[in-house]
N, C-alpha and C. Protein backbone atom coordinates (compact mmCIF):
# COMPACT_ATOMS: atom_id res chain seq x y z
N UNK A 1 -1.30 -2.23 -14.24
CA UNK A 1 -2.00 -0.97 -14.28
C UNK A 1 -3.46 -1.14 -13.86
N UNK A 2 -4.06 -2.26 -14.21
CA UNK A 2 -5.45 -2.50 -13.83
C UNK A 2 -5.63 -2.42 -12.32
N UNK A 3 -4.67 -2.94 -11.56
CA UNK A 3 -4.77 -2.90 -10.11
C UNK A 3 -4.82 -1.47 -9.60
N UNK A 4 -4.01 -0.60 -10.16
CA UNK A 4 -3.97 0.80 -9.72
C UNK A 4 -5.29 1.48 -10.06
N UNK A 5 -5.84 1.21 -11.22
CA UNK A 5 -7.15 1.77 -11.61
C UNK A 5 -8.22 1.27 -10.65
N UNK A 6 -8.21 -0.02 -10.34
CA UNK A 6 -9.20 -0.58 -9.40
C UNK A 6 -9.04 0.01 -8.01
N UNK A 7 -7.81 0.24 -7.60
CA UNK A 7 -7.57 0.85 -6.29
C UNK A 7 -8.15 2.26 -6.25
N UNK A 8 -7.96 3.02 -7.33
CA UNK A 8 -8.53 4.36 -7.41
C UNK A 8 -10.05 4.33 -7.38
N UNK A 9 -10.66 3.39 -8.10
CA UNK A 9 -12.11 3.26 -8.09
C UNK A 9 -12.61 2.88 -6.70
N UNK A 10 -11.87 2.01 -6.03
CA UNK A 10 -12.25 1.61 -4.67
C UNK A 10 -12.22 2.80 -3.73
N UNK A 11 -11.21 3.66 -3.87
CA UNK A 11 -11.12 4.85 -3.01
C UNK A 11 -12.30 5.77 -3.25
N UNK A 12 -12.70 5.89 -4.49
CA UNK A 12 -13.82 6.76 -4.83
C UNK A 12 -15.16 6.17 -4.37
N UNK A 13 -15.33 4.86 -4.52
CA UNK A 13 -16.61 4.22 -4.23
C UNK A 13 -16.78 3.81 -2.77
N UNK A 14 -15.66 3.58 -2.06
CA UNK A 14 -15.73 3.10 -0.67
C UNK A 14 -14.75 3.88 0.22
N UNK A 15 -14.88 5.19 0.30
CA UNK A 15 -13.92 5.97 1.09
C UNK A 15 -13.92 5.59 2.57
N UNK A 16 -15.02 5.05 3.05
CA UNK A 16 -15.10 4.66 4.46
C UNK A 16 -14.18 3.49 4.78
N UNK A 17 -13.74 2.75 3.78
CA UNK A 17 -12.84 1.61 3.99
C UNK A 17 -11.37 2.02 3.99
N UNK A 18 -11.11 3.27 3.69
CA UNK A 18 -9.74 3.77 3.57
C UNK A 18 -9.34 4.48 4.85
N UNK A 19 -8.27 4.01 5.47
CA UNK A 19 -7.75 4.66 6.68
C UNK A 19 -6.96 5.92 6.32
N UNK A 20 -6.42 5.96 5.11
CA UNK A 20 -5.55 7.06 4.69
C UNK A 20 -6.10 7.68 3.43
N UNK A 21 -6.79 8.81 3.57
CA UNK A 21 -7.54 9.38 2.47
C UNK A 21 -6.85 10.55 1.78
N UNK A 22 -5.76 11.04 2.32
CA UNK A 22 -5.01 12.07 1.62
C UNK A 22 -3.76 11.44 1.03
N UNK A 23 -3.22 12.04 0.00
CA UNK A 23 -2.02 11.49 -0.61
C UNK A 23 -0.86 11.48 0.38
N UNK A 24 -0.80 12.49 1.23
CA UNK A 24 0.26 12.55 2.24
C UNK A 24 0.15 11.40 3.22
N UNK A 25 -1.05 11.14 3.74
CA UNK A 25 -1.26 10.02 4.66
C UNK A 25 -1.01 8.69 3.96
N UNK A 26 -1.53 8.55 2.74
CA UNK A 26 -1.40 7.31 1.98
C UNK A 26 0.08 6.96 1.77
N UNK A 27 0.85 7.90 1.25
CA UNK A 27 2.27 7.64 1.00
C UNK A 27 3.04 7.43 2.30
N UNK A 28 2.68 8.20 3.32
CA UNK A 28 3.35 8.04 4.62
C UNK A 28 3.11 6.67 5.22
N UNK A 29 1.90 6.16 5.10
CA UNK A 29 1.59 4.85 5.67
C UNK A 29 2.17 3.73 4.82
N UNK A 30 2.30 3.95 3.51
CA UNK A 30 3.00 2.97 2.68
C UNK A 30 4.44 2.86 3.17
N UNK A 31 5.07 4.00 3.39
CA UNK A 31 6.46 4.01 3.87
C UNK A 31 6.56 3.36 5.25
N UNK A 32 5.61 3.64 6.12
CA UNK A 32 5.62 3.04 7.46
C UNK A 32 5.49 1.53 7.39
N UNK A 33 4.60 1.05 6.51
CA UNK A 33 4.42 -0.39 6.37
C UNK A 33 5.71 -1.04 5.87
N UNK A 34 6.36 -0.41 4.88
CA UNK A 34 7.61 -0.95 4.36
C UNK A 34 8.65 -1.02 5.47
N UNK A 35 8.78 0.06 6.25
CA UNK A 35 9.74 0.05 7.37
C UNK A 35 9.41 -1.04 8.37
N UNK A 36 8.13 -1.14 8.75
CA UNK A 36 7.73 -2.14 9.74
C UNK A 36 7.87 -3.56 9.19
N UNK A 37 7.45 -3.76 7.96
CA UNK A 37 7.52 -5.09 7.33
C UNK A 37 8.97 -5.53 7.20
N UNK A 38 9.82 -4.62 6.83
CA UNK A 38 11.24 -4.94 6.65
C UNK A 38 11.84 -5.43 7.97
N UNK A 39 11.33 -4.94 9.09
CA UNK A 39 11.86 -5.33 10.39
C UNK A 39 11.40 -6.69 10.87
N UNK A 40 10.19 -7.11 10.52
CA UNK A 40 9.68 -8.37 11.07
C UNK A 40 9.38 -9.44 10.03
N UNK A 41 9.40 -9.10 8.77
CA UNK A 41 9.05 -10.08 7.75
C UNK A 41 10.11 -10.02 6.65
N UNK A 42 11.01 -10.96 6.65
CA UNK A 42 12.13 -10.91 5.72
C UNK A 42 11.95 -11.78 4.49
N UNK A 43 10.72 -12.12 4.11
CA UNK A 43 10.53 -12.95 2.93
C UNK A 43 10.43 -12.13 1.65
N UNK A 44 10.60 -10.81 1.76
CA UNK A 44 10.58 -9.94 0.58
C UNK A 44 12.02 -9.61 0.21
N UNK A 45 12.35 -9.84 -1.04
CA UNK A 45 13.67 -9.47 -1.53
C UNK A 45 13.60 -8.02 -1.98
N UNK A 46 14.04 -7.11 -1.13
CA UNK A 46 13.90 -5.68 -1.38
C UNK A 46 14.78 -5.21 -2.53
N UNK A 47 15.70 -6.03 -2.97
CA UNK A 47 16.53 -5.68 -4.12
C UNK A 47 15.83 -6.03 -5.44
N UNK A 48 14.83 -6.91 -5.37
CA UNK A 48 14.12 -7.36 -6.56
C UNK A 48 12.62 -7.41 -6.29
N UNK A 49 12.02 -6.27 -6.04
CA UNK A 49 10.59 -6.21 -5.75
C UNK A 49 9.81 -6.51 -7.03
N UNK A 50 8.90 -7.49 -6.93
CA UNK A 50 8.09 -7.85 -8.08
C UNK A 50 6.75 -7.11 -8.05
N UNK A 51 5.94 -7.29 -9.08
CA UNK A 51 4.67 -6.59 -9.17
C UNK A 51 3.71 -6.96 -8.06
N UNK A 52 3.73 -8.20 -7.64
CA UNK A 52 2.85 -8.63 -6.55
C UNK A 52 3.20 -7.90 -5.25
N UNK A 53 4.47 -7.77 -4.97
CA UNK A 53 4.91 -7.05 -3.77
C UNK A 53 4.56 -5.57 -3.89
N UNK A 54 4.77 -4.99 -5.07
CA UNK A 54 4.44 -3.59 -5.27
C UNK A 54 2.94 -3.36 -5.09
N UNK A 55 2.11 -4.28 -5.59
CA UNK A 55 0.66 -4.17 -5.40
C UNK A 55 0.32 -4.24 -3.91
N UNK A 56 0.99 -5.10 -3.19
CA UNK A 56 0.74 -5.21 -1.75
C UNK A 56 1.11 -3.91 -1.04
N UNK A 57 2.22 -3.29 -1.44
CA UNK A 57 2.62 -2.01 -0.86
C UNK A 57 1.55 -0.96 -1.12
N UNK A 58 1.05 -0.90 -2.35
CA UNK A 58 -0.01 0.06 -2.67
C UNK A 58 -1.26 -0.19 -1.84
N UNK A 59 -1.63 -1.46 -1.70
CA UNK A 59 -2.81 -1.81 -0.90
C UNK A 59 -2.62 -1.45 0.56
N UNK A 60 -1.44 -1.69 1.08
CA UNK A 60 -1.20 -1.39 2.49
C UNK A 60 -1.30 0.11 2.77
N UNK A 61 -1.01 0.93 1.76
CA UNK A 61 -1.22 2.36 1.92
C UNK A 61 -2.67 2.71 2.21
N UNK A 62 -3.57 1.86 1.75
CA UNK A 62 -5.00 2.05 1.98
C UNK A 62 -5.38 1.80 3.43
N UNK A 63 -4.83 0.75 4.03
CA UNK A 63 -5.36 0.29 5.32
C UNK A 63 -4.41 0.43 6.51
N UNK A 64 -3.11 0.60 6.26
CA UNK A 64 -2.14 0.55 7.34
C UNK A 64 -2.24 1.79 8.22
N UNK A 65 -2.27 1.58 9.52
CA UNK A 65 -2.33 2.71 10.46
C UNK A 65 -1.20 2.64 11.45
């Protein structure tokens, strides 16, 4: 939960670092990253996603274009 709080604070304090500033863009780019990552990087066990992978997905929503 701390990571999600920190991510929210980062969005508020450094909006210029965020490529996706609306919830629609953020969620859409998270989904795009998952689709793209699934195609070229198979080291993630999508049946057993751990907290580290989930945190990475949340972070990628911030920067993925």
